[in-house]
Amino acid sequence: MTIFYETANFIIRSVDHPLVDRREGGHIKILPKVWVSDRTRLSPKLAIEYMKLSMVAGEALKTVLTKRGVEIGIINYQDMGNWSVLAPEGPHLEMHIFGRAKTATKQKYGDAVFLPHKESGFYDGFQSVDEEDMRQLKGEIERLLKTPKYSSF
């Protein structure tokens, strides 16, 4: 995992074992720095920041990967982390952001994200967003946060 953007309260990072291959749209995560089980445990201030960062990260993922040759049609957002119930801290909140490429063959555009068990072999060969993607994502996030759309909240 590589953190490519962070605030005082959240990190945005790559995913070592992506559920959507980079060539099919990519997969990144947003995590709060404080351990919470789900979004209902966030303060109003943190909930607003969480939503804002999800919007910015999704828009950045679509812009950057499209410029880099992956034609993203839509972004899917999903709160996850409940499979960590056996961790000492219990389940934790993570927002997974999935780019959905129009040309995808495994995670097909227009279908729900398919999430078979890791041992199924379905994800074999999936690539994470790369270093250049992350560099450009960070720059695009920083640019978007300065726009009137996002600087107002």
Foldseek 3Di string as FASTA:
>chain_A
DAFLDDDPFKTKAKDPQDLAFLLFQAKIKIFTPDFDQELVPDDPVVNVVVVLVVVQLLVLSCVLSVVVPFNFDGKDKDWDQQVCCVPPSGGGTMIMIGTGGCPDDLQHPPDDRDDDDPVPCSRPPGHMDDPVSSNSSSVSSVVVCPDPVNVVD
